[in-house]
Amino acid sequence: MLVDGVSGLPLGLTESVYQDKVVPLRNGVKLVMYSDGISEAANRDEEEFGTSRICEHMLTEHASAESLKSAACEFAYGPPADDATVILIRCAANKS
């Protein structure tokens, strides 16, 4: 499932108002948040890594924040030209 968020100014640029978004997560779900340095990492043909490749990568069993960043760098033949931040949250079973 791909959940598109609400866009706005990046955190810390200026005072801004942000909307809350509640996303219910089930066991085994991965929630990935990334900066545009990942999705906009471009190869020599100026093709961007894009959300389709991000989704495809994250559907693999051993996907991690680091492996996504590495995949974007490999696609772009080097480090992205912009910031490249990835945060991954994995939902585990409730063991209470």
PDB file of N, CA and C in Angstrom:
ATOM      1  N   MET A   1       0.853  -1.170   0.000  1.00  0.00           N
ATOM      2  CA  MET A   1       0.000   0.000   0.000  1.00  0.00           C
ATOM      3  C   MET A   1       0.898   1.232   0.000  1.00  0.00           C
ATOM      4  N   LEU A   2       0.646   2.158  -0.872  1.00  0.00           N
ATOM      5  CA  LEU A   2       1.366   3.421  -0.930  1.00  0.00           C
ATOM      6  C   LEU A   2       0.464   4.490  -0.354  1.00  0.00           C
ATOM      7  N   VAL A   3       0.960   5.204   0.659  1.00  0.00           N
ATOM      8  CA  VAL A   3       0.179   6.266   1.285  1.00  0.00           C
ATOM      9  C   VAL A   3       0.861   7.579   0.966  1.00  0.00           C
ATOM     10  N   ASP A   4       0.193   8.407   0.199  1.00  0.00           N
ATOM     11  CA  ASP A   4       0.744   9.722  -0.110  1.00  0.00           C
ATOM     12  C   ASP A   4       0.409  10.665   1.023  1.00  0.00           C
ATOM     13  N   GLY A   5       1.388  11.445   1.430  1.00  0.00           N
ATOM     14  CA  GLY A   5       1.185  12.395   2.518  1.00  0.00           C
ATOM     15  C   GLY A   5       0.759  13.749   1.999  1.00  0.00           C
ATOM     16  N   VAL A   6       0.629  14.660   2.909  1.00  0.00           N
ATOM     17  CA  VAL A   6       0.306  16.040   2.593  1.00  0.00           C
ATOM     18  C   VAL A   6       1.623  16.767   2.420  1.00  0.00           C
ATOM     19  N   SER A   7       1.741  17.579   1.389  1.00  0.00           N
ATOM     20  CA  SER A   7       3.003  18.277   1.165  1.00  0.00           C
ATOM     21  C   SER A   7       3.014  19.614   1.888  1.00  0.00           C
ATOM     22  N   GLY A   8       4.177  20.120   2.106  1.00  0.00           N
ATOM     23  CA  GLY A   8       4.356  21.406   2.772  1.00  0.00           C
ATOM     24  C   GLY A   8       5.826  21.752   2.815  1.00  0.00           C
ATOM     25  N   LEU A   9       6.135  22.824   3.502  1.00  0.00           N
ATOM     26  CA  LEU A   9       7.525  23.231   3.631  1.00  0.00           C
ATOM     27  C   LEU A   9       8.305  22.216   4.455  1.00  0.00           C
ATOM     28  N   PRO A  10       9.575  22.003   4.112  1.00  0.00           N
ATOM     29  CA  PRO A  10      10.398  21.107   4.924  1.00  0.00           C
ATOM     30  C   PRO A  10      10.519  21.634   6.355  1.00  0.00           C
ATOM     31  N   LEU A  11      10.643  20.713   7.291  1.00  0.00           N
ATOM     32  CA  LEU A  11      10.807  21.092   8.689  1.00  0.00           C
ATOM     33  C   LEU A  11      12.019  21.990   8.868  1.00  0.00           C
ATOM     34  N   GLY A  12      11.880  23.017   9.682  1.00  0.00           N
ATOM     35  CA  GLY A  12      13.002  23.874  10.037  1.00  0.00           C
ATOM     36  C   GLY A  12      13.267  25.051   9.125  1.00  0.00           C
ATOM     37  N   LEU A  13      12.599  25.144   7.978  1.00  0.00           N
ATOM     38  CA  LEU A  13      12.853  26.278   7.081  1.00  0.00           C
ATOM     39  C   LEU A  13      12.238  27.562   7.614  1.00  0.00           C
ATOM     40  N   THR A  14      11.020  27.470   8.049  1.00  0.00           N
ATOM     41  CA  THR A  14      10.303  28.611   8.584  1.00  0.00           C
ATOM     42  C   THR A  14       9.147  28.085   9.423  1.00  0.00           C
ATOM     43  N   GLU A  15       8.528  28.939  10.174  1.00  0.00           N
ATOM     44  CA  GLU A  15       7.379  28.519  10.961  1.00  0.00           C
ATOM     45  C   GLU A  15       6.265  28.095  10.007  1.00  0.00           C
ATOM     46  N   SER A  16       5.668  26.963  10.295  1.00  0.00           N
ATOM     47  CA  SER A  16       4.653  26.424   9.396  1.00  0.00           C
ATOM     48  C   SER A  16       3.671  25.575  10.185  1.00  0.00           C
ATOM     49  N   VAL A  17       2.540  25.289   9.576  1.00  0.00           N
ATOM     50  CA  VAL A  17       1.528  24.425  10.180  1.00  0.00           C
ATOM     51  C   VAL A  17       1.491  23.126   9.384  1.00  0.00           C
ATOM     52  N   TYR A  18       1.490  22.008  10.101  1.00  0.00           N
ATOM     53  CA  TYR A  18       1.470  20.702   9.461  1.00  0.00           C
ATOM     54  C   TYR A  18       0.223  19.947   9.878  1.00  0.00           C
ATOM     55  N   GLN A  19      -0.246  19.078   9.002  1.00  0.00           N
ATOM     56  CA  GLN A  19      -1.417  18.266   9.304  1.00  0.00           C
ATOM     57  C   GLN A  19      -0.974  16.915   9.855  1.00  0.00           C
ATOM     58  N   ASP A  20      -1.738  16.389  10.811  1.00  0.00           N
ATOM     59  CA  ASP A  20      -1.496  15.046  11.322  1.00  0.00           C
ATOM     60  C   ASP A  20      -2.046  14.040  10.325  1.00  0.00           C
ATOM     61  N   LYS A  21      -1.400  12.906  10.239  1.00  0.00           N
ATOM     62  CA  LYS A  21      -1.865  11.824   9.377  1.00  0.00           C
ATOM     63  C   LYS A  21      -1.745  10.536  10.172  1.00  0.00           C
ATOM     64  N   VAL A  22      -2.841   9.830  10.370  1.00  0.00           N
ATOM     65  CA  VAL A  22      -2.842   8.564  11.076  1.00  0.00           C
ATOM     66  C   VAL A  22      -2.834   7.445  10.036  1.00  0.00           C
ATOM     67  N   VAL A  23      -1.861   6.561  10.161  1.00  0.00           N
ATOM     68  CA  VAL A  23      -1.736   5.440   9.241  1.00  0.00           C
ATOM     69  C   VAL A  23      -1.709   4.159  10.079  1.00  0.00           C
ATOM     70  N   PRO A  24      -2.797   3.393  10.085  1.00  0.00           N
ATOM     71  CA  PRO A  24      -2.789   2.142  10.855  1.00  0.00           C
ATOM     72  C   PRO A  24      -1.828   1.143  10.213  1.00  0.00           C
ATOM     73  N   LEU A  25      -1.013   0.522  11.052  1.00  0.00           N
ATOM     74  CA  LEU A  25      -0.030  -0.438  10.547  1.00  0.00           C
ATOM     75  C   LEU A  25      -0.330  -1.831  11.084  1.00  0.00           C
ATOM     76  N   ARG A  26      -0.148  -2.822  10.232  1.00  0.00           N
ATOM     77  CA  ARG A  26      -0.322  -4.226  10.616  1.00  0.00           C
ATOM     78  C   ARG A  26       1.050  -4.884  10.741  1.00  0.00           C
ATOM     79  N   ASN A  27       1.072  -6.027  11.368  1.00  0.00           N
ATOM     80  CA  ASN A  27       2.301  -6.786  11.521  1.00  0.00           C
ATOM     81  C   ASN A  27       2.957  -7.002  10.156  1.00  0.00           C
ATOM     82  N   GLY A  28       4.240  -6.730  10.069  1.00  0.00           N
ATOM     83  CA  GLY A  28       4.999  -6.951   8.839  1.00  0.00           C
ATOM     84  C   GLY A  28       5.047  -5.764   7.896  1.00  0.00           C
ATOM     85  N   VAL A  29       4.273  -4.718   8.182  1.00  0.00           N
ATOM     86  CA  VAL A  29       4.241  -3.543   7.312  1.00  0.00           C
ATOM     87  C   VAL A  29       5.520  -2.723   7.494  1.00  0.00           C
ATOM     88  N   LYS A  30       6.024  -2.163   6.397  1.00  0.00           N
ATOM     89  CA  LYS A  30       7.172  -1.258   6.436  1.00  0.00           C
ATOM     90  C   LYS A  30       6.679   0.139   6.085  1.00  0.00           C
ATOM     91  N   LEU A  31       7.007   1.104   6.899  1.00  0.00           N
ATOM     92  CA  LEU A  31       6.700   2.502   6.619  1.00  0.00           C
ATOM     93  C   LEU A  31       8.019   3.186   6.316  1.00  0.00           C
ATOM     94  N   VAL A  32       8.164   3.689   5.094  1.00  0.00           N
ATOM     95  CA  VAL A  32       9.421   4.326   4.705  1.00  0.00           C
ATOM     96  C   VAL A  32       9.172   5.799   4.404  1.00  0.00           C
ATOM     97  N   MET A  33      10.019   6.630   4.973  1.00  0.00           N
ATOM     98  CA  MET A  33       9.998   8.075   4.713  1.00  0.00           C
ATOM     99  C   MET A  33      11.364   8.436   4.149  1.00  0.00           C
ATOM    100  N   TYR A  34      11.356   9.244   3.102  1.00  0.00           N
ATOM    101  CA  TYR A  34      12.612   9.549   2.435  1.00  0.00           C
ATOM    102  C   TYR A  34      12.595  10.974   1.917  1.00  0.00           C
ATOM    103  N   SER A  35      13.784  11.537   1.762  1.00  0.00           N
ATOM    104  CA  SER A  35      13.896  12.888   1.204  1.00  0.00           C
ATOM    105  C   SER A  35      13.963  12.805  -0.319  1.00  0.00           C
ATOM    106  N   ASP A  36      13.829  13.944  -0.947  1.00  0.00           N
ATOM    107  CA  ASP A  36      13.824  13.972  -2.412  1.00  0.00           C
ATOM    108  C   ASP A  36      15.164  13.580  -3.020  1.00  0.00           C
ATOM    109  N   GLY A  37      16.219  13.552  -2.226  1.00  0.00           N
ATOM    110  CA  GLY A  37      17.513  13.097  -2.734  1.00  0.00           C
ATOM    111  C   GLY A  37      17.483  11.632  -3.125  1.00  0.00           C
ATOM    112  N   ILE A  38      16.550  10.872  -2.562  1.00  0.00           N
ATOM    113  CA  ILE A  38      16.396   9.461  -2.931  1.00  0.00           C
ATOM    114  C   ILE A  38      15.550   9.357  -4.196  1.00  0.00           C
ATOM    115  N   SER A  39      14.338   9.905  -4.165  1.00  0.00           N
ATOM    116  CA  SER A  39      13.427   9.762  -5.310  1.00  0.00           C
ATOM    117  C   SER A  39      13.925  10.498  -6.557  1.00  0.00           C
ATOM    118  N   GLU A  40      14.674  11.584  -6.372  1.00  0.00           N
ATOM    119  CA  GLU A  40      15.149  12.373  -7.513  1.00  0.00           C
ATOM    120  C   GLU A  40      16.579  12.051  -7.916  1.00  0.00           C
ATOM    121  N   ALA A  41      17.188  11.027  -7.318  1.00  0.00           N
ATOM    122  CA  ALA A  41      18.527  10.612  -7.738  1.00  0.00           C
ATOM    123  C   ALA A  41      18.446  10.220  -9.216  1.00  0.00           C
ATOM    124  N   ALA A  42      19.270  10.843 -10.048  1.00  0.00           N
ATOM    125  CA  ALA A  42      19.163  10.650 -11.500  1.00  0.00           C
ATOM    126  C   ALA A  42      20.374   9.914 -12.056  1.00  0.00           C
ATOM    127  N   ASN A  43      20.101   9.074 -13.068  1.00  0.00           N
ATOM    128  CA  ASN A  43      21.184   8.367 -13.742  1.00  0.00           C
ATOM    129  C   ASN A  43      21.750   9.253 -14.863  1.00  0.00           C
ATOM    130  N   ARG A  44      22.645   8.688 -15.645  1.00  0.00           N
ATOM    131  CA  ARG A  44      23.317   9.475 -16.707  1.00  0.00           C
ATOM    132  C   ARG A  44      22.355   9.949 -17.787  1.00  0.00           C
ATOM    133  N   ASP A  45      21.204   9.269 -17.913  1.00  0.00           N
ATOM    134  CA  ASP A  45      20.192   9.676 -18.891  1.00  0.00           C
ATOM    135  C   ASP A  45      19.189  10.661 -18.290  1.00  0.00           C
ATOM    136  N   GLU A  46      19.487  11.143 -17.067  1.00  0.00           N
ATOM    137  CA  GLU A  46      18.636  12.082 -16.331  1.00  0.00           C
ATOM    138  C   GLU A  46      17.276  11.492 -15.963  1.00  0.00           C
ATOM    139  N   GLU A  47      17.206  10.156 -15.893  1.00  0.00           N
ATOM    140  CA  GLU A  47      16.004   9.466 -15.427  1.00  0.00           C
ATOM    141  C   GLU A  47      16.091   9.382 -13.904  1.00  0.00           C
ATOM    142  N   GLU A  48      14.998   9.740 -13.222  1.00  0.00           N
ATOM    143  CA  GLU A  48      14.994   9.720 -11.766  1.00  0.00           C
ATOM    144  C   GLU A  48      14.729   8.317 -11.224  1.00  0.00           C
ATOM    145  N   PHE A  49      15.253   8.051 -10.022  1.00  0.00           N
ATOM    146  CA  PHE A  49      15.030   6.778  -9.338  1.00  0.00           C
ATOM    147  C   PHE A  49      13.534   6.563  -9.141  1.00  0.00           C
ATOM    148  N   GLY A  50      12.818   7.555  -8.633  1.00  0.00           N
ATOM    149  CA  GLY A  50      11.356   7.569  -8.597  1.00  0.00           C
ATOM    150  C   GLY A  50      10.714   6.665  -7.558  1.00  0.00           C
ATOM    151  N   THR A  51       9.426   6.901  -7.351  1.00  0.00           N
ATOM    152  CA  THR A  51       8.676   6.163  -6.329  1.00  0.00           C
ATOM    153  C   THR A  51       8.435   4.702  -6.719  1.00  0.00           C
ATOM    154  N   SER A  52       8.336   4.403  -7.995  1.00  0.00           N
ATOM    155  CA  SER A  52       8.123   3.001  -8.417  1.00  0.00           C
ATOM    156  C   SER A  52       9.305   2.134  -8.012  1.00  0.00           C
ATOM    157  N   ARG A  53      10.516   2.629  -8.224  1.00  0.00           N
ATOM    158  CA  ARG A  53      11.706   1.866  -7.840  1.00  0.00           C
ATOM    159  C   ARG A  53      11.820   1.772  -6.317  1.00  0.00           C
ATOM    160  N   ILE A  54      11.431   2.839  -5.627  1.00  0.00           N
ATOM    161  CA  ILE A  54      11.442   2.801  -4.163  1.00  0.00           C
ATOM    162  C   ILE A  54      10.493   1.709  -3.675  1.00  0.00           C
ATOM    163  N   CYS A  55       9.271   1.685  -4.185  1.00  0.00           N
ATOM    164  CA  CYS A  55       8.287   0.664  -3.784  1.00  0.00           C
ATOM    165  C   CYS A  55       8.791  -0.737  -4.112  1.00  0.00           C
ATOM    166  N   GLU A  56       9.303  -0.910  -5.315  1.00  0.00           N
ATOM    167  CA  GLU A  56       9.812  -2.215  -5.731  1.00  0.00           C
ATOM    168  C   GLU A  56      10.928  -2.677  -4.790  1.00  0.00           C
ATOM    169  N   HIS A  57      11.838  -1.774  -4.456  1.00  0.00           N
ATOM    170  CA  HIS A  57      12.943  -2.126  -3.566  1.00  0.00           C
ATOM    171  C   HIS A  57      12.430  -2.497  -2.178  1.00  0.00           C
ATOM    172  N   MET A  58      11.497  -1.705  -1.652  1.00  0.00           N
ATOM    173  CA  MET A  58      11.018  -1.930  -0.294  1.00  0.00           C
ATOM    174  C   MET A  58      10.178  -3.196  -0.166  1.00  0.00           C
ATOM    175  N   LEU A  59       9.680  -3.732  -1.270  1.00  0.00           N
ATOM    176  CA  LEU A  59       8.913  -4.980  -1.234  1.00  0.00           C
ATOM    177  C   LEU A  59       9.810  -6.212  -1.129  1.00  0.00           C
ATOM    178  N   THR A  60      11.113  -6.035  -1.313  1.00  0.00           N
ATOM    179  CA  THR A  60      12.017  -7.172  -1.153  1.00  0.00           C
ATOM    180  C   THR A  60      12.146  -7.506   0.324  1.00  0.00           C
ATOM    181  N   GLU A  61      12.393  -8.760   0.620  1.00  0.00           N
ATOM    182  CA  GLU A  61      12.383  -9.255   2.003  1.00  0.00           C
ATOM    183  C   GLU A  61      13.396  -8.561   2.905  1.00  0.00           C
ATOM    184  N   HIS A  62      14.587  -8.329   2.421  1.00  0.00           N
ATOM    185  CA  HIS A  62      15.653  -7.796   3.271  1.00  0.00           C
ATOM    186  C   HIS A  62      15.901  -6.305   3.063  1.00  0.00           C
ATOM    187  N   ALA A  63      14.916  -5.590   2.547  1.00  0.00           N
ATOM    188  CA  ALA A  63      15.072  -4.148   2.324  1.00  0.00           C
ATOM    189  C   ALA A  63      15.285  -3.431   3.654  1.00  0.00           C
ATOM    190  N   SER A  64      16.169  -2.446   3.627  1.00  0.00           N
ATOM    191  CA  SER A  64      16.451  -1.637   4.807  1.00  0.00           C
ATOM    192  C   SER A  64      16.632  -0.196   4.355  1.00  0.00           C
ATOM    193  N   ALA A  65      16.727   0.706   5.316  1.00  0.00           N
ATOM    194  CA  ALA A  65      16.978   2.114   4.983  1.00  0.00           C
ATOM    195  C   ALA A  65      18.303   2.234   4.232  1.00  0.00           C
ATOM    196  N   GLU A  66      19.313   1.527   4.721  1.00  0.00           N
ATOM    197  CA  GLU A  66      20.632   1.593   4.092  1.00  0.00           C
ATOM    198  C   GLU A  66      20.629   0.982   2.694  1.00  0.00           C
ATOM    199  N   SER A  67      19.896  -0.127   2.499  1.00  0.00           N
ATOM    200  CA  SER A  67      19.878  -0.745   1.170  1.00  0.00           C
ATOM    201  C   SER A  67      19.141   0.132   0.162  1.00  0.00           C
ATOM    202  N   LEU A  68      18.118   0.868   0.615  1.00  0.00           N
ATOM    203  CA  LEU A  68      17.424   1.790  -0.293  1.00  0.00           C
ATOM    204  C   LEU A  68      18.344   2.932  -0.701  1.00  0.00           C
ATOM    205  N   LYS A  69      19.043   3.496   0.260  1.00  0.00           N
ATOM    206  CA  LYS A  69      19.995   4.573  -0.050  1.00  0.00           C
ATOM    207  C   LYS A  69      21.076   4.067  -1.011  1.00  0.00           C
ATOM    208  N   SER A  70      21.573   2.859  -0.771  1.00  0.00           N
ATOM    209  CA  SER A  70      22.592   2.275  -1.651  1.00  0.00           C
ATOM    210  C   SER A  70      22.049   2.043  -3.059  1.00  0.00           C
ATOM    211  N   ALA A  71      20.794   1.591  -3.163  1.00  0.00           N
ATOM    212  CA  ALA A  71      20.183   1.361  -4.481  1.00  0.00           C
ATOM    213  C   ALA A  71      20.056   2.664  -5.261  1.00  0.00           C
ATOM    214  N   ALA A  72      19.669   3.734  -4.576  1.00  0.00           N
ATOM    215  CA  ALA A  72      19.556   5.042  -5.247  1.00  0.00           C
ATOM    216  C   ALA A  72      20.927   5.525  -5.705  1.00  0.00           C
ATOM    217  N   CYS A  73      21.956   5.335  -4.875  1.00  0.00           N
ATOM    218  CA  CYS A  73      23.321   5.734  -5.253  1.00  0.00           C
ATOM    219  C   CYS A  73      23.834   4.911  -6.427  1.00  0.00           C
ATOM    220  N   GLU A  74      23.563   3.611  -6.407  1.00  0.00           N
ATOM    221  CA  GLU A  74      23.982   2.741  -7.503  1.00  0.00           C
ATOM    222  C   GLU A  74      23.291   3.143  -8.804  1.00  0.00           C
ATOM    223  N   PHE A  75      22.003   3.459  -8.725  1.00  0.00           N
ATOM    224  CA  PHE A  75      21.238   3.902  -9.894  1.00  0.00           C
ATOM    225  C   PHE A  75      21.826   5.190 -10.469  1.00  0.00           C
ATOM    226  N   ALA A  76      22.261   6.098  -9.573  1.00  0.00           N
ATOM    227  CA  ALA A  76      22.782   7.404  -9.991  1.00  0.00           C
ATOM    228  C   ALA A  76      24.288   7.381 -10.250  1.00  0.00           C
ATOM    229  N   TYR A  77      24.917   6.204 -10.145  1.00  0.00           N
ATOM    230  CA  TYR A  77      26.363   6.064 -10.345  1.00  0.00           C
ATOM    231  C   TYR A  77      27.158   6.947  -9.384  1.00  0.00           C
ATOM    232  N   GLY A  78      26.701   7.041  -8.162  1.00  0.00           N
ATOM    233  CA  GLY A  78      27.407   7.828  -7.151  1.00  0.00           C
ATOM    234  C   GLY A  78      26.424   8.442  -6.184  1.00  0.00           C
ATOM    235  N   PRO A  79      26.942   9.210  -5.244  1.00  0.00           N
ATOM    236  CA  PRO A  79      26.051   9.820  -4.243  1.00  0.00           C
ATOM    237  C   PRO A  79      25.066  10.786  -4.890  1.00  0.00           C
ATOM    238  N   PRO A  80      23.838  10.850  -4.371  1.00  0.00           N
ATOM    239  CA  PRO A  80      22.861  11.799  -4.913  1.00  0.00           C
ATOM    240  C   PRO A  80      23.360  13.232  -4.808  1.00  0.00           C
ATOM    241  N   ALA A  81      22.904  14.078  -5.699  1.00  0.00           N
ATOM    242  CA  ALA A  81      23.304  15.484  -5.706  1.00  0.00           C
ATOM    243  C   ALA A  81      22.634  16.259  -4.565  1.00  0.00           C
ATOM    244  N   ASP A  82      21.571  15.710  -4.005  1.00  0.00           N
ATOM    245  CA  ASP A  82      20.809  16.361  -2.943  1.00  0.00           C
ATOM    246  C   ASP A  82      20.921  15.510  -1.676  1.00  0.00           C
ATOM    247  N   ASP A  83      20.374  16.006  -0.579  1.00  0.00           N
ATOM    248  CA  ASP A  83      20.382  15.214   0.652  1.00  0.00           C
ATOM    249  C   ASP A  83      19.685  13.879   0.406  1.00  0.00           C
ATOM    250  N   ALA A  84      20.154  12.852   1.070  1.00  0.00           N
ATOM    251  CA  ALA A  84      19.578  11.519   0.898  1.00  0.00           C
ATOM    252  C   ALA A  84      19.309  10.930   2.279  1.00  0.00           C
ATOM    253  N   THR A  85      18.075  11.074   2.723  1.00  0.00           N
ATOM    254  CA  THR A  85      17.688  10.604   4.049  1.00  0.00           C
ATOM    255  C   THR A  85      16.601   9.553   3.911  1.00  0.00           C
ATOM    256  N   VAL A  86      16.738   8.462   4.663  1.00  0.00           N
ATOM    257  CA  VAL A  86      15.735   7.406   4.676  1.00  0.00           C
ATOM    258  C   VAL A  86      15.458   7.026   6.125  1.00  0.00           C
ATOM    259  N   ILE A  87      14.178   6.959   6.470  1.00  0.00           N
ATOM    260  CA  ILE A  87      13.744   6.465   7.773  1.00  0.00           C
ATOM    261  C   ILE A  87      12.798   5.313   7.506  1.00  0.00           C
ATOM    262  N   LEU A  88      13.086   4.158   8.106  1.00  0.00           N
ATOM    263  CA  LEU A  88      12.270   2.976   7.915  1.00  0.00           C
ATOM    264  C   LEU A  88      11.747   2.501   9.260  1.00  0.00           C
ATOM    265  N   ILE A  89      10.436   2.294   9.329  1.00  0.00           N
ATOM    266  CA  ILE A  89       9.785   1.741  10.526  1.00  0.00           C
ATOM    267  C   ILE A  89       9.155   0.427  10.118  1.00  0.00           C
ATOM    268  N   ARG A  90       9.492  -0.630  10.837  1.00  0.00           N
ATOM    269  CA  ARG A  90       8.898  -1.947  10.589  1.00  0.00           C
ATOM    270  C   ARG A  90       7.927  -2.233  11.722  1.00  0.00           C
ATOM    271  N   CYS A  91       6.735  -2.616  11.377  1.00  0.00           N
ATOM    272  CA  CYS A  91       5.717  -2.926  12.369  1.00  0.00           C
ATOM    273  C   CYS A  91       5.849  -4.393  12.777  1.00  0.00           C
ATOM    274  N   ALA A  92       6.105  -4.604  14.055  1.00  0.00           N
ATOM    275  CA  ALA A  92       6.240  -5.964  14.580  1.00  0.00           C
ATOM    276  C   ALA A  92       4.962  -6.353  15.294  1.00  0.00           C
ATOM    277  N   ALA A  93       4.793  -7.617  15.506  1.00  0.00           N
ATOM    278  CA  ALA A  93       3.611  -8.122  16.212  1.00  0.00           C
ATOM    279  C   ALA A  93       3.607  -7.616  17.645  1.00  0.00           C
ATOM    280  N   ASN A  94       2.440  -7.324  18.164  1.00  0.00           N
ATOM    281  CA  ASN A  94       2.283  -6.887  19.539  1.00  0.00           C
ATOM    282  C   ASN A  94       2.427  -8.114  20.430  1.00  0.00           C
ATOM    283  N   LYS A  95       3.424  -8.112  21.307  1.00  0.00           N
ATOM    284  CA  LYS A  95       3.698  -9.286  22.150  1.00  0.00           C
ATOM    285  C   LYS A  95       3.286  -9.047  23.598  1.00  0.00           C
ATOM    286  N   SER A  96       2.256  -8.263  23.835  1.00  0.00           N
ATOM    287  CA  SER A  96       1.850  -8.003  25.212  1.00  0.00           C
ATOM    288  C   SER A  96       0.871  -9.019  25.728  1.00  0.00           C
TER     289      SER A  96
END
